[in-house]
């Protein structure tokens, strides 16, 4: 499936911002909205023609999508939207549960006032992105939010591990589910925002146990979506959740 046309809004976007970032945004939105589906090829030449840009920024935009974990490069064939197996999802879910908790605990010991202010600024920005059209922006803010907490741990290995696991976790498929079920949008965005606020509150209090618990609960909320919309077996998700139960505050 390829882009057949581009809107005036997309053309205006391409004209005003750095090309590779804007191409990333245009393609990112099409992936999480389901225009591109797992397994679809993103043909560099066609995208360049349809967006009216050269091949170089398209290639760079595709590189950003690869880094974000939404697409993959297949040697000698090109770039396609990632197809994710249930095994991949379960493994990423389990690792994210552990890493989010450990990172939160480390962050409570090392986070700076400047980083807390940055997180609060993201929360304020997230409140503005509550429509389907803004889900691409909301997703990027959410990734930046969690990456900032990882950076606050000041543990270089944890930061690297988190980046790998975050790219493997199929949260973009969960965003796609919102496009198929728009009636869920208001509750979903409100829940996510509330969970983010709870995490920041725990970090501000330097309460490591609470920060870990709220972080685990936040990931577990994604687990409900994995079961409901990606048909991941509930018992396999529970196995991963039980592994982090010792980290939950009693």
Protein backbone atom coordinates (compact mmCIF):
# COMPACT_ATOMS: atom_id res chain seq x y z
CA UNK A 1 0.00 0.00 0.00
CA UNK A 2 1.45 3.38 -1.00
CA UNK A 3 0.43 7.00 -0.60
CA UNK A 4 -1.80 7.91 -3.52
CA UNK A 5 -1.92 11.64 -2.90
CA UNK A 6 -0.87 14.25 -0.40
CA UNK A 7 -3.05 16.90 1.14
CA UNK A 8 -2.37 20.62 1.14
CA UNK A 9 -1.77 20.36 4.86
CA UNK A 10 0.96 17.75 4.33
CA UNK A 11 2.55 19.85 1.59
CA UNK A 12 2.54 22.89 3.88
CA UNK A 13 4.11 20.82 6.65
CA UNK A 14 6.88 19.67 4.34
CA UNK A 15 7.59 23.25 3.29
CA UNK A 16 7.91 24.69 6.79
CA UNK A 17 10.01 22.17 8.76
CA UNK A 18 13.20 20.12 8.28
CA UNK A 19 12.34 17.67 5.54
CA UNK A 20 13.42 14.41 7.15
CA UNK A 21 11.46 15.17 10.34
CA UNK A 22 8.36 16.18 8.44
CA UNK A 23 8.48 13.14 6.20
CA UNK A 24 8.83 11.06 9.36
CA UNK A 25 5.74 12.78 10.80
CA UNK A 26 3.65 12.23 7.66
CA UNK A 27 4.55 8.55 7.40
CA UNK A 28 4.34 8.02 11.16
CA UNK A 29 0.76 9.31 11.21
CA UNK A 30 -0.17 7.04 8.30
CA UNK A 31 1.26 4.01 10.10
CA UNK A 32 -0.47 4.54 13.42
CA UNK A 33 -3.74 5.45 11.68
CA UNK A 34 -3.64 2.19 9.73
CA UNK A 35 -3.14 3.63 6.24
CA UNK A 36 0.05 1.59 6.17
CA UNK A 37 -0.34 -1.83 7.78
CA UNK A 38 2.21 -4.38 9.05
CA UNK A 39 4.03 -5.81 6.05
CA UNK A 40 3.32 -2.88 3.71
CA UNK A 41 6.31 -1.64 1.75
CA UNK A 42 7.30 2.03 1.85
CA UNK A 43 8.76 2.73 -1.58
CA UNK A 44 11.26 5.56 -1.39
CA UNK A 45 10.82 6.67 -5.00
CA UNK A 46 7.03 6.79 -4.81
CA UNK A 47 7.01 8.69 -1.52
CA UNK A 48 9.46 11.25 -2.92
CA UNK A 49 7.28 11.77 -5.99
CA UNK A 50 4.02 11.97 -4.08
CA UNK A 51 5.35 14.44 -1.51
CA UNK A 52 7.24 16.47 -4.07
CA UNK A 53 10.65 16.13 -2.41
CA UNK A 54 14.00 14.59 -3.29
CA UNK A 55 15.09 11.07 -2.43
CA UNK A 56 17.62 12.05 0.24
CA UNK A 57 15.20 13.44 2.89
CA UNK A 58 12.83 10.52 2.23
CA UNK A 59 15.65 8.09 2.95
CA UNK A 60 16.51 10.04 6.10
CA UNK A 61 12.85 10.08 7.16
CA UNK A 62 12.70 6.32 6.70
CA UNK A 63 15.85 6.00 8.81
CA UNK A 64 14.03 7.83 11.61
CA UNK A 65 11.13 5.40 11.31
CA UNK A 66 13.56 2.47 11.55
CA UNK A 67 15.11 4.02 14.67
CA UNK A 68 11.65 4.47 16.18
CA UNK A 69 10.91 0.78 15.64
CA UNK A 70 7.93 1.22 13.32
CA UNK A 71 9.57 -0.08 10.16
CA UNK A 72 12.43 -2.36 9.22
CA UNK A 73 14.93 -2.44 6.39
CA UNK A 74 15.02 -5.70 4.47
CA UNK A 75 18.33 -6.21 2.65
CA UNK A 76 18.04 -5.79 -1.12
CA UNK A 77 14.28 -5.23 -0.90
CA UNK A 78 13.55 -1.97 0.89
CA UNK A 79 11.65 -0.74 3.92
CA UNK A 80 8.39 -2.16 5.26
CA UNK A 81 6.16 -1.66 8.27
CA UNK A 82 7.21 -4.13 10.95
CA UNK A 83 5.28 -7.35 11.37
CA UNK A 84 5.35 -8.23 15.04
CA UNK A 85 4.75 -11.75 16.32
CA UNK A 86 2.96 -12.48 19.61
CA UNK A 87 6.28 -13.78 20.95
CA UNK A 88 7.94 -10.44 20.16
CA UNK A 89 5.14 -8.55 21.90
CA UNK A 90 5.26 -10.68 25.06
CA UNK A 91 9.03 -10.45 25.34
CA UNK A 92 8.99 -6.67 24.90
CA UNK A 93 6.14 -6.35 27.41
CA UNK A 94 7.98 -8.35 30.05
CA UNK A 95 11.22 -6.44 29.61
CA UNK A 96 9.44 -3.11 29.67
CA UNK A 97 7.72 -3.97 32.95
CA UNK A 98 11.09 -4.65 34.56
CA UNK A 99 12.98 -1.75 33.01
CA UNK A 100 10.29 0.86 33.71
CA UNK A 101 10.30 -0.13 37.38
CA UNK A 102 14.09 -0.18 37.76
CA UNK A 103 14.49 3.07 35.84
CA UNK A 104 11.85 4.78 37.96
CA UNK A 105 13.65 3.73 41.14
CA UNK A 106 16.99 4.96 39.83
CA UNK A 107 15.45 8.19 38.58
CA UNK A 108 14.05 9.08 42.01
CA UNK A 109 17.62 9.13 43.31
CA UNK A 110 19.12 11.13 40.47
CA UNK A 111 16.49 13.25 38.77
CA UNK A 112 17.12 16.99 38.73
CA UNK A 113 14.65 19.81 39.24
CA UNK A 114 15.24 20.78 35.63
CA UNK A 115 14.24 17.31 34.43
CA UNK A 116 11.11 17.36 36.60
CA UNK A 117 10.19 20.73 35.11
CA UNK A 118 10.73 19.26 31.65
CA UNK A 119 8.41 16.35 32.45
CA UNK A 120 5.76 18.73 33.77
CA UNK A 121 6.04 20.73 30.58
CA UNK A 122 5.39 17.56 28.59
CA UNK A 123 2.33 16.82 30.72
CA UNK A 124 0.96 20.26 29.93
CA UNK A 125 1.60 19.67 26.23
CA UNK A 126 -0.03 16.22 26.32
CA UNK A 127 -3.27 17.77 27.56
CA UNK A 128 -3.48 19.64 24.25
CA UNK A 129 -3.25 16.50 22.10
CA UNK A 130 -6.51 14.67 22.58
CA UNK A 131 -7.86 14.11 19.07
CA UNK A 132 -7.21 11.30 16.61
CA UNK A 133 -5.46 13.74 14.30
CA UNK A 134 -2.96 14.49 17.08
CA UNK A 135 -2.16 10.89 18.04
CA UNK A 136 1.16 11.02 16.21
CA UNK A 137 2.20 14.03 18.30
CA UNK A 138 0.89 12.39 21.48
CA UNK A 139 2.87 9.24 20.80
CA UNK A 140 6.09 11.19 20.30
CA UNK A 141 5.48 13.13 23.51
CA UNK A 142 4.90 9.88 25.38
CA UNK A 143 8.13 8.37 24.08
CA UNK A 144 10.01 11.55 25.00
CA UNK A 145 8.43 11.46 28.46
CA UNK A 146 9.67 7.95 29.19
CA UNK A 147 13.06 8.59 27.59
CA UNK A 148 13.53 11.62 29.86
CA UNK A 149 12.88 9.45 32.92
CA UNK A 150 15.39 6.92 31.61
CA UNK A 151 17.96 9.69 31.15
CA UNK A 152 17.27 10.84 34.72
CA UNK A 153 18.47 7.45 35.98
CA UNK A 154 22.00 8.46 34.92
CA UNK A 155 22.65 4.80 34.22
CA UNK A 156 24.06 4.58 30.69
CA UNK A 157 23.39 0.87 30.30
CA UNK A 158 19.78 1.22 31.46
CA UNK A 159 19.28 4.08 29.02
CA UNK A 160 20.59 1.98 26.12
CA UNK A 161 18.54 -1.06 27.12
CA UNK A 162 15.41 1.03 27.45
CA UNK A 163 15.87 2.51 23.97
CA UNK A 164 16.10 -1.00 22.50
CA UNK A 165 13.06 -2.30 24.37
CA UNK A 166 10.98 0.82 23.70
CA UNK A 167 11.60 0.42 19.98
CA UNK A 168 10.54 -3.24 20.18
CA UNK A 169 7.32 -2.51 22.08
CA UNK A 170 4.38 -2.20 19.63
CA UNK A 171 2.71 0.83 21.19
CA UNK A 172 2.08 2.20 17.71
CA UNK A 173 -0.27 -0.71 17.10
CA UNK A 174 -2.20 0.31 20.19
CA UNK A 175 -2.54 3.81 18.79
CA UNK A 176 -3.84 2.26 15.59
CA UNK A 177 -6.53 0.56 17.67
CA UNK A 178 -7.79 4.01 18.67
CA UNK A 179 -8.34 4.89 15.03
CA UNK A 180 -10.44 1.73 14.68
CA UNK A 181 -12.27 2.43 17.94
CA UNK A 182 -12.49 6.26 18.22
CA UNK A 183 -15.06 6.03 21.01
CA UNK A 184 -12.22 4.87 23.29
CA UNK A 185 -10.05 7.92 22.67
CA UNK A 186 -11.24 10.20 25.48
CA UNK A 187 -10.93 7.57 28.22
CA UNK A 188 -7.60 6.33 26.86
CA UNK A 189 -5.94 9.73 26.73
CA UNK A 190 -7.31 10.69 30.15
CA UNK A 191 -6.06 7.43 31.68
CA UNK A 192 -2.62 7.77 30.14
CA UNK A 193 -2.29 11.37 31.27
CA UNK A 194 -3.36 10.46 34.80
CA UNK A 195 -0.78 7.68 34.94
CA UNK A 196 1.95 10.00 33.70
CA UNK A 197 1.00 12.57 36.34
CA UNK A 198 1.17 9.90 39.07
CA UNK A 199 4.67 8.90 37.94
CA UNK A 200 5.90 12.50 38.00
CA UNK A 201 4.37 13.06 41.44
CA UNK A 202 6.27 10.03 42.79
CA UNK A 203 9.49 11.27 41.21
CA UNK A 204 9.02 14.71 42.76
CA UNK A 205 8.59 13.10 46.18
CA UNK A 206 11.69 10.95 45.56
CA UNK A 207 9.55 7.94 46.48
CA UNK A 208 11.28 5.06 44.68
CA UNK A 209 8.72 2.39 45.59
CA UNK A 210 5.79 4.52 44.49
CA UNK A 211 7.53 5.53 41.26
CA UNK A 212 8.18 1.87 40.44
CA UNK A 213 4.62 0.87 41.23
CA UNK A 214 3.06 3.64 39.15
CA UNK A 215 5.38 2.84 36.27
CA UNK A 216 4.44 -0.85 36.37
CA UNK A 217 0.73 0.00 36.54
CA UNK A 218 1.17 2.24 33.52
CA UNK A 219 2.73 -0.56 31.46
CA UNK A 220 0.09 -3.01 32.69
CA UNK A 221 -2.57 -0.70 31.32
CA UNK A 222 -0.96 -1.25 27.92
CA UNK A 223 -1.18 -4.97 28.65
CA UNK A 224 -4.98 -4.71 28.70
CA UNK A 225 -4.85 -3.24 25.21
CA UNK A 226 -2.47 -5.96 24.04
CA UNK A 227 -5.00 -8.58 25.12
CA UNK A 228 -8.05 -6.76 23.80
CA UNK A 229 -6.85 -5.47 20.44
CA UNK A 230 -3.78 -7.52 19.50
CA UNK A 231 -5.18 -10.80 20.81
CA UNK A 232 -2.17 -11.54 23.00
CA UNK A 233 -3.05 -14.42 25.38
CA UNK A 234 -3.90 -13.04 28.83
CA UNK A 235 -2.15 -15.88 30.64
CA UNK A 236 1.18 -15.07 28.95
CA UNK A 237 0.86 -11.41 29.92
CA UNK A 238 0.09 -12.40 33.51
CA UNK A 239 3.24 -14.52 33.64
CA UNK A 240 5.30 -11.43 32.86
CA UNK A 241 3.35 -9.34 35.35
CA UNK A 242 3.93 -11.86 38.12
CA UNK A 243 7.67 -11.57 37.57
CA UNK A 244 7.61 -7.93 38.64
CA UNK A 245 5.18 -8.37 41.55
CA UNK A 246 8.05 -8.17 44.11
CA UNK A 247 8.68 -4.62 42.86
CA UNK A 248 5.12 -3.54 43.59
CA UNK A 249 4.59 -1.58 46.79
CA UNK A 250 2.43 -3.53 49.22
